PDB file of N, CA and C in Angstrom:
ATOM      1  N   GLY A   1     -13.725  -7.660  22.188  1.00  0.00           N
ATOM      2  CA  GLY A   1     -13.989  -8.950  21.607  1.00  0.00           C
ATOM      3  C   GLY A   1     -14.105 -10.021  22.656  1.00  0.00           C
ATOM      4  N   GLU A   2     -14.190 -11.227  22.210  1.00  0.00           N
ATOM      5  CA  GLU A   2     -14.327 -12.400  23.067  1.00  0.00           C
ATOM      6  C   GLU A   2     -13.044 -13.224  23.015  1.00  0.00           C
ATOM      7  N   ILE A   3     -12.651 -13.767  24.169  1.00  0.00           N
ATOM      8  CA  ILE A   3     -11.447 -14.610  24.241  1.00  0.00           C
ATOM      9  C   ILE A   3     -11.864 -16.037  24.576  1.00  0.00           C
ATOM     10  N   THR A   4     -11.299 -16.995  23.852  1.00  0.00           N
ATOM     11  CA  THR A   4     -11.554 -18.412  24.086  1.00  0.00           C
ATOM     12  C   THR A   4     -10.228 -19.111  24.366  1.00  0.00           C
ATOM     13  N   VAL A   5     -10.201 -19.951  25.399  1.00  0.00           N
ATOM     14  CA  VAL A   5      -8.997 -20.700  25.748  1.00  0.00           C
ATOM     15  C   VAL A   5      -9.345 -22.180  25.739  1.00  0.00           C
ATOM     16  N   GLU A   6      -8.545 -22.970  25.029  1.00  0.00           N
ATOM     17  CA  GLU A   6      -8.746 -24.420  24.968  1.00  0.00           C
ATOM     18  C   GLU A   6      -7.425 -25.116  25.274  1.00  0.00           C
ATOM     19  N   LEU A   7      -7.489 -26.219  25.968  1.00  0.00           N
ATOM     20  CA  LEU A   7      -6.313 -27.050  26.220  1.00  0.00           C
ATOM     21  C   LEU A   7      -6.699 -28.483  25.878  1.00  0.00           C
ATOM     22  N   LYS A   8      -6.008 -29.054  24.886  1.00  0.00           N
ATOM     23  CA  LYS A   8      -6.370 -30.387  24.418  1.00  0.00           C
ATOM     24  C   LYS A   8      -5.132 -31.256  24.262  1.00  0.00           C
ATOM     25  N   PRO A   9      -5.231 -32.519  24.674  1.00  0.00           N
ATOM     26  CA  PRO A   9      -4.147 -33.445  24.342  1.00  0.00           C
ATOM     27  C   PRO A   9      -4.226 -33.798  22.864  1.00  0.00           C
ATOM     28  N   GLN A  10      -3.079 -34.006  22.256  1.00  0.00           N
ATOM     29  CA  GLN A  10      -3.033 -34.418  20.861  1.00  0.00           C
ATOM     30  C   GLN A  10      -2.023 -35.538  20.731  1.00  0.00           C
ATOM     31  N   GLY A  11      -2.258 -36.400  19.769  1.00  0.00           N
ATOM     32  CA  GLY A  11      -1.241 -37.384  19.484  1.00  0.00           C
ATOM     33  C   GLY A  11      -1.603 -38.821  19.743  1.00  0.00           C
ATOM     34  N   LYS A  12      -2.895 -39.159  19.840  1.00  0.00           N
ATOM     35  CA  LYS A  12      -3.242 -40.577  19.945  1.00  0.00           C
ATOM     36  C   LYS A  12      -2.752 -41.313  18.708  1.00  0.00           C
ATOM     37  N   GLU A  13      -2.929 -40.674  17.561  1.00  0.00           N
ATOM     38  CA  GLU A  13      -2.397 -41.200  16.308  1.00  0.00           C
ATOM     39  C   GLU A  13      -1.310 -40.239  15.862  1.00  0.00           C
ATOM     40  N   LEU A  14      -0.069 -40.579  16.132  1.00  0.00           N
ATOM     41  CA  LEU A  14       1.042 -39.672  15.885  1.00  0.00           C
ATOM     42  C   LEU A  14       1.347 -39.560  14.402  1.00  0.00           C
ATOM     43  N   SER A  15       1.603 -38.340  13.955  1.00  0.00           N
ATOM     44  CA  SER A  15       2.014 -38.128  12.579  1.00  0.00           C
ATOM     45  C   SER A  15       3.510 -38.379  12.465  1.00  0.00           C
ATOM     46  N   LEU A  16       4.045 -38.334  11.251  1.00  0.00           N
ATOM     47  CA  LEU A  16       5.480 -38.531  11.068  1.00  0.00           C
ATOM     48  C   LEU A  16       6.283 -37.424  11.738  1.00  0.00           C
ATOM     49  N   ARG A  17       5.755 -36.198  11.734  1.00  0.00           N
ATOM     50  CA  ARG A  17       6.445 -35.062  12.359  1.00  0.00           C
ATOM     51  C   ARG A  17       6.374 -35.120  13.878  1.00  0.00           C
ATOM     52  N   GLN A  18       5.304 -35.652  14.398  1.00  0.00           N
ATOM     53  CA  GLN A  18       5.061 -35.648  15.838  1.00  0.00           C
ATOM     54  C   GLN A  18       5.547 -36.955  16.429  1.00  0.00           C
ATOM     55  N   LYS A  19       6.582 -36.871  17.250  1.00  0.00           N
ATOM     56  CA  LYS A  19       7.202 -38.081  17.782  1.00  0.00           C
ATOM     57  C   LYS A  19       6.583 -38.545  19.087  1.00  0.00           C
ATOM     58  N   GLU A  20       5.847 -37.683  19.761  1.00  0.00           N
ATOM     59  CA  GLU A  20       5.244 -38.045  21.040  1.00  0.00           C
ATOM     60  C   GLU A  20       3.970 -37.238  21.273  1.00  0.00           C
ATOM     61  N   PRO A  21       3.117 -37.708  22.188  1.00  0.00           N
ATOM     62  CA  PRO A  21       1.895 -36.956  22.488  1.00  0.00           C
ATOM     63  C   PRO A  21       2.225 -35.560  23.012  1.00  0.00           C
ATOM     64  N   GLU A  22       1.348 -34.617  22.719  1.00  0.00           N
ATOM     65  CA  GLU A  22       1.581 -33.251  23.162  1.00  0.00           C
ATOM     66  C   GLU A  22       0.279 -32.602  23.611  1.00  0.00           C
ATOM     67  N   LEU A  23       0.418 -31.494  24.323  1.00  0.00           N
ATOM     68  CA  LEU A  23      -0.717 -30.672  24.708  1.00  0.00           C
ATOM     69  C   LEU A  23      -0.742 -29.448  23.817  1.00  0.00           C
ATOM     70  N   ALA A  24      -1.911 -29.086  23.368  1.00  0.00           N
ATOM     71  CA  ALA A  24      -2.069 -27.889  22.543  1.00  0.00           C
ATOM     72  C   ALA A  24      -2.915 -26.878  23.315  1.00  0.00           C
ATOM     73  N   LEU A  25      -2.320 -25.725  23.593  1.00  0.00           N
ATOM     74  CA  LEU A  25      -3.021 -24.611  24.215  1.00  0.00           C
ATOM     75  C   LEU A  25      -3.376 -23.640  23.106  1.00  0.00           C
ATOM     76  N   ARG A  26      -4.658 -23.386  22.952  1.00  0.00           N
ATOM     77  CA  ARG A  26      -5.148 -22.523  21.873  1.00  0.00           C
ATOM     78  C   ARG A  26      -5.892 -21.349  22.494  1.00  0.00           C
ATOM     79  N   ILE A  27      -5.405 -20.139  22.215  1.00  0.00           N
ATOM     80  CA  ILE A  27      -6.017 -18.927  22.732  1.00  0.00           C
ATOM     81  C   ILE A  27      -6.463 -18.096  21.531  1.00  0.00           C
ATOM     82  N   SER A  28      -7.755 -17.827  21.462  1.00  0.00           N
ATOM     83  CA  SER A  28      -8.322 -17.095  20.318  1.00  0.00           C
ATOM     84  C   SER A  28      -9.073 -15.869  20.805  1.00  0.00           C
ATOM     85  N   ASP A  29      -9.065 -14.828  19.978  1.00  0.00           N
ATOM     86  CA  ASP A  29      -9.895 -13.667  20.270  1.00  0.00           C
ATOM     87  C   ASP A  29     -10.629 -13.239  19.011  1.00  0.00           C
ATOM     88  N   THR A  30     -11.629 -12.418  19.203  1.00  0.00           N
ATOM     89  CA  THR A  30     -12.410 -11.897  18.075  1.00  0.00           C
ATOM     90  C   THR A  30     -12.101 -10.417  17.882  1.00  0.00           C
ATOM     91  N   GLY A  31     -10.864 -10.038  18.185  1.00  0.00           N
ATOM     92  CA  GLY A  31     -10.446  -8.642  18.100  1.00  0.00           C
ATOM     93  C   GLY A  31     -10.167  -8.185  16.684  1.00  0.00           C
ATOM     94  N   VAL A  32      -9.320  -7.163  16.582  1.00  0.00           N
ATOM     95  CA  VAL A  32      -9.075  -6.517  15.290  1.00  0.00           C
ATOM     96  C   VAL A  32      -8.182  -7.340  14.373  1.00  0.00           C
ATOM     97  N   GLY A  33      -7.438  -8.293  14.906  1.00  0.00           N
ATOM     98  CA  GLY A  33      -6.555  -9.107  14.080  1.00  0.00           C
ATOM     99  C   GLY A  33      -5.318  -8.347  13.647  1.00  0.00           C
ATOM    100  N   MET A  34      -4.484  -9.007  12.863  1.00  0.00           N
ATOM    101  CA  MET A  34      -3.234  -8.410  12.382  1.00  0.00           C
ATOM    102  C   MET A  34      -3.116  -8.608  10.883  1.00  0.00           C
ATOM    103  N   ASP A  35      -2.465  -7.635  10.230  1.00  0.00           N
ATOM    104  CA  ASP A  35      -2.206  -7.801   8.807  1.00  0.00           C
ATOM    105  C   ASP A  35      -0.995  -8.723   8.613  1.00  0.00           C
ATOM    106  N   LYS A  36      -0.784  -9.143   7.391  1.00  0.00           N
ATOM    107  CA  LYS A  36       0.274 -10.116   7.080  1.00  0.00           C
ATOM    108  C   LYS A  36       1.662  -9.574   7.443  1.00  0.00           C
ATOM    109  N   LYS A  37       1.889  -8.306   7.207  1.00  0.00           N
ATOM    110  CA  LYS A  37       3.187  -7.695   7.496  1.00  0.00           C
ATOM    111  C   LYS A  37       3.501  -7.749   8.996  1.00  0.00           C
ATOM    112  N   THR A  38       2.524  -7.428   9.824  1.00  0.00           N
ATOM    113  CA  THR A  38       2.707  -7.496  11.278  1.00  0.00           C
ATOM    114  C   THR A  38       2.914  -8.940  11.712  1.00  0.00           C
ATOM    115  N   LEU A  39       2.135  -9.841  11.178  1.00  0.00           N
ATOM    116  CA  LEU A  39       2.223 -11.259  11.533  1.00  0.00           C
ATOM    117  C   LEU A  39       3.605 -11.822  11.217  1.00  0.00           C
ATOM    118  N   GLU A  40       4.184 -11.413  10.102  1.00  0.00           N
ATOM    119  CA  GLU A  40       5.512 -11.902   9.711  1.00  0.00           C
ATOM    120  C   GLU A  40       6.605 -11.448  10.673  1.00  0.00           C
ATOM    121  N   ARG A  41       6.437 -10.305  11.315  1.00  0.00           N
ATOM    122  CA  ARG A  41       7.467  -9.746  12.204  1.00  0.00           C
ATOM    123  C   ARG A  41       7.170  -9.999  13.676  1.00  0.00           C
ATOM    124  N   LEU A  42       6.105 -10.680  13.978  1.00  0.00           N
ATOM    125  CA  LEU A  42       5.590 -10.813  15.331  1.00  0.00           C
ATOM    126  C   LEU A  42       6.623 -11.283  16.356  1.00  0.00           C
ATOM    127  N   PHE A  43       7.457 -12.235  16.002  1.00  0.00           N
ATOM    128  CA  PHE A  43       8.422 -12.795  16.951  1.00  0.00           C
ATOM    129  C   PHE A  43       9.801 -12.151  16.835  1.00  0.00           C
ATOM    130  N   THR A  44       9.936 -11.109  16.048  1.00  0.00           N
ATOM    131  CA  THR A  44      11.206 -10.421  15.875  1.00  0.00           C
ATOM    132  C   THR A  44      11.504  -9.584  17.118  1.00  0.00           C
ATOM    133  N   PRO A  45      12.697  -9.777  17.725  1.00  0.00           N
ATOM    134  CA  PRO A  45      13.041  -8.966  18.905  1.00  0.00           C
ATOM    135  C   PRO A  45      12.982  -7.469  18.585  1.00  0.00           C
ATOM    136  N   PHE A  46      12.446  -6.713  19.519  1.00  0.00           N
ATOM    137  CA  PHE A  46      12.315  -5.258  19.470  1.00  0.00           C
ATOM    138  C   PHE A  46      11.236  -4.760  18.497  1.00  0.00           C
ATOM    139  N   PHE A  47      10.485  -5.669  17.884  1.00  0.00           N
ATOM    140  CA  PHE A  47       9.361  -5.243  17.049  1.00  0.00           C
ATOM    141  C   PHE A  47       8.137  -5.069  17.939  1.00  0.00           C
ATOM    142  N   THR A  48       7.484  -3.947  17.827  1.00  0.00           N
ATOM    143  CA  THR A  48       6.264  -3.698  18.585  1.00  0.00           C
ATOM    144  C   THR A  48       5.329  -2.801  17.788  1.00  0.00           C
ATOM    145  N   THR A  49       4.048  -2.946  18.062  1.00  0.00           N
ATOM    146  CA  THR A  49       3.048  -2.056  17.474  1.00  0.00           C
ATOM    147  C   THR A  49       2.518  -1.098  18.535  1.00  0.00           C
ATOM    148  N   LYS A  50       3.074  -1.202  19.753  1.00  0.00           N
ATOM    149  CA  LYS A  50       2.620  -0.392  20.888  1.00  0.00           C
ATOM    150  C   LYS A  50       3.460   0.878  21.019  1.00  0.00           C
ATOM    151  N   ASP A  51       2.870   1.901  21.618  1.00  0.00           N
ATOM    152  CA  ASP A  51       3.602   3.141  21.876  1.00  0.00           C
ATOM    153  C   ASP A  51       4.658   2.944  22.958  1.00  0.00           C
ATOM    154  N   GLU A  52       4.370   2.060  23.914  1.00  0.00           N
ATOM    155  CA  GLU A  52       5.316   1.769  24.981  1.00  0.00           C
ATOM    156  C   GLU A  52       5.605   0.275  24.971  1.00  0.00           C
ATOM    157  N   GLY A  53       6.769  -0.095  25.457  1.00  0.00           N
ATOM    158  CA  GLY A  53       7.141  -1.498  25.499  1.00  0.00           C
ATOM    159  C   GLY A  53       8.440  -1.720  24.754  1.00  0.00           C
ATOM    160  N   THR A  54       8.999  -2.897  24.953  1.00  0.00           N
ATOM    161  CA  THR A  54      10.312  -3.188  24.377  1.00  0.00           C
ATOM    162  C   THR A  54      10.243  -4.030  23.111  1.00  0.00           C
ATOM    163  N   GLY A  55       9.134  -4.722  22.899  1.00  0.00           N
ATOM    164  CA  GLY A  55       9.055  -5.615  21.746  1.00  0.00           C
ATOM    165  C   GLY A  55       9.788  -6.923  21.986  1.00  0.00           C
ATOM    166  N   LEU A  56      10.008  -7.262  23.256  1.00  0.00           N
ATOM    167  CA  LEU A  56      10.727  -8.499  23.574  1.00  0.00           C
ATOM    168  C   LEU A  56       9.815  -9.611  24.085  1.00  0.00           C
ATOM    169  N   GLY A  57       8.571  -9.299  24.369  1.00  0.00           N
ATOM    170  CA  GLY A  57       7.664 -10.278  24.971  1.00  0.00           C
ATOM    171  C   GLY A  57       7.487 -11.554  24.170  1.00  0.00           C
ATOM    172  N   LEU A  58       7.052 -11.447  22.930  1.00  0.00           N
ATOM    173  CA  LEU A  58       6.774 -12.653  22.150  1.00  0.00           C
ATOM    174  C   LEU A  58       8.034 -13.380  21.710  1.00  0.00           C
ATOM    175  N   SER A  59       9.124 -12.658  21.483  1.00  0.00           N
ATOM    176  CA  SER A  59      10.370 -13.349  21.136  1.00  0.00           C
ATOM    177  C   SER A  59      10.865 -14.151  22.346  1.00  0.00           C
ATOM    178  N   THR A  60      10.652 -13.633  23.554  1.00  0.00           N
ATOM    179  CA  THR A  60      11.025 -14.357  24.773  1.00  0.00           C
ATOM    180  C   THR A  60      10.131 -15.572  24.971  1.00  0.00           C
ATOM    181  N   VAL A  61       8.838 -15.396  24.764  1.00  0.00           N
ATOM    182  CA  VAL A  61       7.896 -16.515  24.885  1.00  0.00           C
ATOM    183  C   VAL A  61       8.289 -17.638  23.926  1.00  0.00           C
ATOM    184  N   ARG A  62       8.599 -17.279  22.697  1.00  0.00           N
ATOM    185  CA  ARG A  62       8.979 -18.292  21.704  1.00  0.00           C
ATOM    186  C   ARG A  62      10.225 -19.063  22.133  1.00  0.00           C
ATOM    187  N   ARG A  63      11.218 -18.360  22.649  1.00  0.00           N
ATOM    188  CA  ARG A  63      12.438 -19.032  23.105  1.00  0.00           C
ATOM    189  C   ARG A  63      12.136 -19.993  24.256  1.00  0.00           C
ATOM    190  N   ILE A  64      11.287 -19.593  25.173  1.00  0.00           N
ATOM    191  CA  ILE A  64      10.927 -20.463  26.305  1.00  0.00           C
ATOM    192  C   ILE A  64      10.189 -21.702  25.816  1.00  0.00           C
ATOM    193  N   VAL A  65       9.214 -21.515  24.941  1.00  0.00           N
ATOM    194  CA  VAL A  65       8.444 -22.649  24.411  1.00  0.00           C
ATOM    195  C   VAL A  65       9.361 -23.611  23.661  1.00  0.00           C
ATOM    196  N   GLU A  66      10.240 -23.093  22.815  1.00  0.00           N
ATOM    197  CA  GLU A  66      11.158 -23.948  22.054  1.00  0.00           C
ATOM    198  C   GLU A  66      12.169 -24.640  22.962  1.00  0.00           C
ATOM    199  N   ALA A  67      12.576 -23.996  24.053  1.00  0.00           N
ATOM    200  CA  ALA A  67      13.495 -24.620  25.008  1.00  0.00           C
ATOM    201  C   ALA A  67      12.853 -25.824  25.686  1.00  0.00           C
ATOM    202  N   HIS A  68      11.533 -25.870  25.702  1.00  0.00           N
ATOM    203  CA  HIS A  68      10.804 -27.001  26.274  1.00  0.00           C
ATOM    204  C   HIS A  68      10.299 -27.957  25.185  1.00  0.00           C
ATOM    205  N   ARG A  69      10.969 -27.929  24.032  1.00  0.00           N
ATOM    206  CA  ARG A  69      10.683 -28.803  22.905  1.00  0.00           C
ATOM    207  C   ARG A  69       9.287 -28.594  22.323  1.00  0.00           C
ATOM    208  N   GLY A  70       8.782 -27.379  22.416  1.00  0.00           N
ATOM    209  CA  GLY A  70       7.467 -27.063  21.876  1.00  0.00           C
ATOM    210  C   GLY A  70       7.551 -26.106  20.709  1.00  0.00           C
ATOM    211  N   ASN A  71       6.397 -25.675  20.264  1.00  0.00           N
ATOM    212  CA  ASN A  71       6.363 -24.644  19.229  1.00  0.00           C
ATOM    213  C   ASN A  71       5.154 -23.743  19.444  1.00  0.00           C
ATOM    214  N   ILE A  72       5.245 -22.555  18.878  1.00  0.00           N
ATOM    215  CA  ILE A  72       4.170 -21.578  18.986  1.00  0.00           C
ATOM    216  C   ILE A  72       3.887 -21.038  17.589  1.00  0.00           C
ATOM    217  N   THR A  73       2.610 -20.963  17.257  1.00  0.00           N
ATOM    218  CA  THR A  73       2.205 -20.408  15.968  1.00  0.00           C
ATOM    219  C   THR A  73       1.087 -19.392  16.206  1.00  0.00           C
ATOM    220  N   VAL A  74       0.973 -18.467  15.277  1.00  0.00           N
ATOM    221  CA  VAL A  74      -0.063 -17.447  15.371  1.00  0.00           C
ATOM    222  C   VAL A  74      -0.769 -17.357  14.026  1.00  0.00           C
ATOM    223  N   GLU A  75      -2.086 -17.373  14.075  1.00  0.00           N
ATOM    224  CA  GLU A  75      -2.923 -17.188  12.892  1.00  0.00           C
ATOM    225  C   GLU A  75      -3.752 -15.933  13.138  1.00  0.00           C
ATOM    226  N   SER A  76      -3.846 -15.066  12.147  1.00  0.00           N
ATOM    227  CA  SER A  76      -4.608 -13.842  12.345  1.00  0.00           C
ATOM    228  C   SER A  76      -5.123 -13.312  11.018  1.00  0.00           C
ATOM    229  N   GLU A  77      -6.240 -12.643  11.103  1.00  0.00           N
ATOM    230  CA  GLU A  77      -6.825 -12.020   9.916  1.00  0.00           C
ATOM    231  C   GLU A  77      -7.439 -10.690  10.343  1.00  0.00           C
ATOM    232  N   PRO A  78      -7.093  -9.621   9.647  1.00  0.00           N
ATOM    233  CA  PRO A  78      -7.658  -8.321  10.006  1.00  0.00           C
ATOM    234  C   PRO A  78      -9.186  -8.360  10.066  1.00  0.00           C
ATOM    235  N   GLY A  79      -9.721  -7.823  11.155  1.00  0.00           N
ATOM    236  CA  GLY A  79     -11.169  -7.768  11.328  1.00  0.00           C
ATOM    237  C   GLY A  79     -11.806  -9.042  11.841  1.00  0.00           C
ATOM    238  N   LYS A  80     -11.014 -10.117  11.955  1.00  0.00           N
ATOM    239  CA  LYS A  80     -11.595 -11.399  12.379  1.00  0.00           C
ATOM    240  C   LYS A  80     -10.974 -11.961  13.658  1.00  0.00           C
ATOM    241  N   GLY A  81      -9.814 -11.445  14.077  1.00  0.00           N
ATOM    242  CA  GLY A  81      -9.227 -11.913  15.318  1.00  0.00           C
ATOM    243  C   GLY A  81      -7.934 -12.676  15.118  1.00  0.00           C
ATOM    244  N   THR A  82      -7.446 -13.202  16.229  1.00  0.00           N
ATOM    245  CA  THR A  82      -6.144 -13.866  16.269  1.00  0.00           C
ATOM    246  C   THR A  82      -6.235 -15.145  17.083  1.00  0.00           C
ATOM    247  N   THR A  83      -5.469 -16.148  16.682  1.00  0.00           N
ATOM    248  CA  THR A  83      -5.351 -17.393  17.441  1.00  0.00           C
ATOM    249  C   THR A  83      -3.879 -17.699  17.644  1.00  0.00           C
ATOM    250  N   VAL A  84      -3.519 -17.949  18.898  1.00  0.00           N
ATOM    251  CA  VAL A  84      -2.161 -18.353  19.256  1.00  0.00           C
ATOM    252  C   VAL A  84      -2.243 -19.809  19.693  1.00  0.00           C
ATOM    253  N   ILE A  85      -1.373 -20.649  19.133  1.00  0.00           N
ATOM    254  CA  ILE A  85      -1.356 -22.070  19.471  1.00  0.00           C
ATOM    255  C   ILE A  85       0.023 -22.429  20.005  1.00  0.00           C
ATOM    256  N   VAL A  86       0.052 -22.918  21.238  1.00  0.00           N
ATOM    257  CA  VAL A  86       1.296 -23.364  21.860  1.00  0.00           C
ATOM    258  C   VAL A  86       1.189 -24.869  22.038  1.00  0.00           C
ATOM    259  N   LYS A  87       2.154 -25.594  21.472  1.00  0.00           N
ATOM    260  CA  LYS A  87       2.178 -27.049  21.620  1.00  0.00           C
ATOM    261  C   LYS A  87       3.422 -27.435  22.397  1.00  0.00           C
ATOM    262  N   LEU A  88       3.209 -28.262  23.430  1.00  0.00           N
ATOM    263  CA  LEU A  88       4.305 -28.738  24.273  1.00  0.00           C
ATOM    264  C   LEU A  88       4.181 -30.244  24.439  1.00  0.00           C
ATOM    265  N   PRO A  89       5.325 -30.934  24.559  1.00  0.00           N
ATOM    266  CA  PRO A  89       5.245 -32.374  24.797  1.00  0.00           C
ATOM    267  C   PRO A  89       4.543 -32.645  26.126  1.00  0.00           C
ATOM    268  N   MET A  90       3.788 -33.734  26.176  1.00  0.00           N
ATOM    269  CA  MET A  90       3.081 -34.073  27.400  1.00  0.00           C
ATOM    270  C   MET A  90       4.052 -34.514  28.495  1.00  0.00           C
ATOM    271  N   LYS A  91       5.196 -35.003  28.094  1.00  0.00           N
ATOM    272  CA  LYS A  91       6.175 -35.477  29.050  1.00  0.00           C
ATOM    273  C   LYS A  91       7.444 -34.653  28.914  1.00  0.00           C
ATOM    274  N   LEU A  92       7.832 -33.996  29.998  1.00  0.00           N
ATOM    275  CA  LEU A  92       9.076 -33.249  30.007  1.00  0.00           C
ATOM    276  C   LEU A  92      10.064 -33.930  30.946  1.00  0.00           C
ATOM    277  N   SER A  93      11.309 -33.975  30.535  1.00  0.00           N
ATOM    278  CA  SER A  93      12.338 -34.546  31.401  1.00  0.00           C
ATOM    279  C   SER A  93      12.966 -33.427  32.224  1.00  0.00           C
ATOM    280  N   LYS A  94      13.787 -33.796  33.191  1.00  0.00           N
ATOM    281  CA  LYS A  94      14.462 -32.806  34.032  1.00  0.00           C
ATOM    282  C   LYS A  94      15.322 -31.874  33.195  1.00  0.00           C
ATOM    283  N   LYS A  95      15.960 -32.394  32.159  1.00  0.00           N
ATOM    284  CA  LYS A  95      16.816 -31.544  31.324  1.00  0.00           C
ATOM    285  C   LYS A  95      16.010 -30.498  30.555  1.00  0.00           C
ATOM    286  N   ASP A  96      14.729 -30.784  30.279  1.00  0.00           N
ATOM    287  CA  ASP A  96      13.869 -29.812  29.602  1.00  0.00           C
ATOM    288  C   ASP A  96      13.544 -28.625  30.510  1.00  0.00           C
ATOM    289  N   LEU A  97      13.578 -28.851  31.804  1.00  0.00           N
ATOM    290  CA  LEU A  97      13.199 -27.825  32.761  1.00  0.00           C
ATOM    291  C   LEU A  97      14.367 -26.978  33.228  1.00  0.00           C
ATOM    292  N   LEU A  98      15.573 -27.361  32.864  1.00  0.00           N
ATOM    293  CA  LEU A  98      16.756 -26.587  33.288  1.00  0.00           C
ATOM    294  C   LEU A  98      17.073 -25.469  32.355  1.00  0.00           C
TER     295      LEU A  98
END
């Protein structure tokens, strides 16, 4: 499939949920996608669809993103591909990096 990567600032007009401007990293592919059951368990530690691996990768990524006051979401549809969206505040303080 094809992979697309976008990085966009967001937040000129802040919503009630969004307290400050943020960067949105969007990575999309046109691959096989995931079914709803897989998508629901995606960030669960030790869950994997691979023959090899620990199933800790995405749960670790999520913890790192959240530790930096961000969030990560995944949208997917079987046969149509997957999109991962990581949003992080545009401004990080020293305490966010520790």
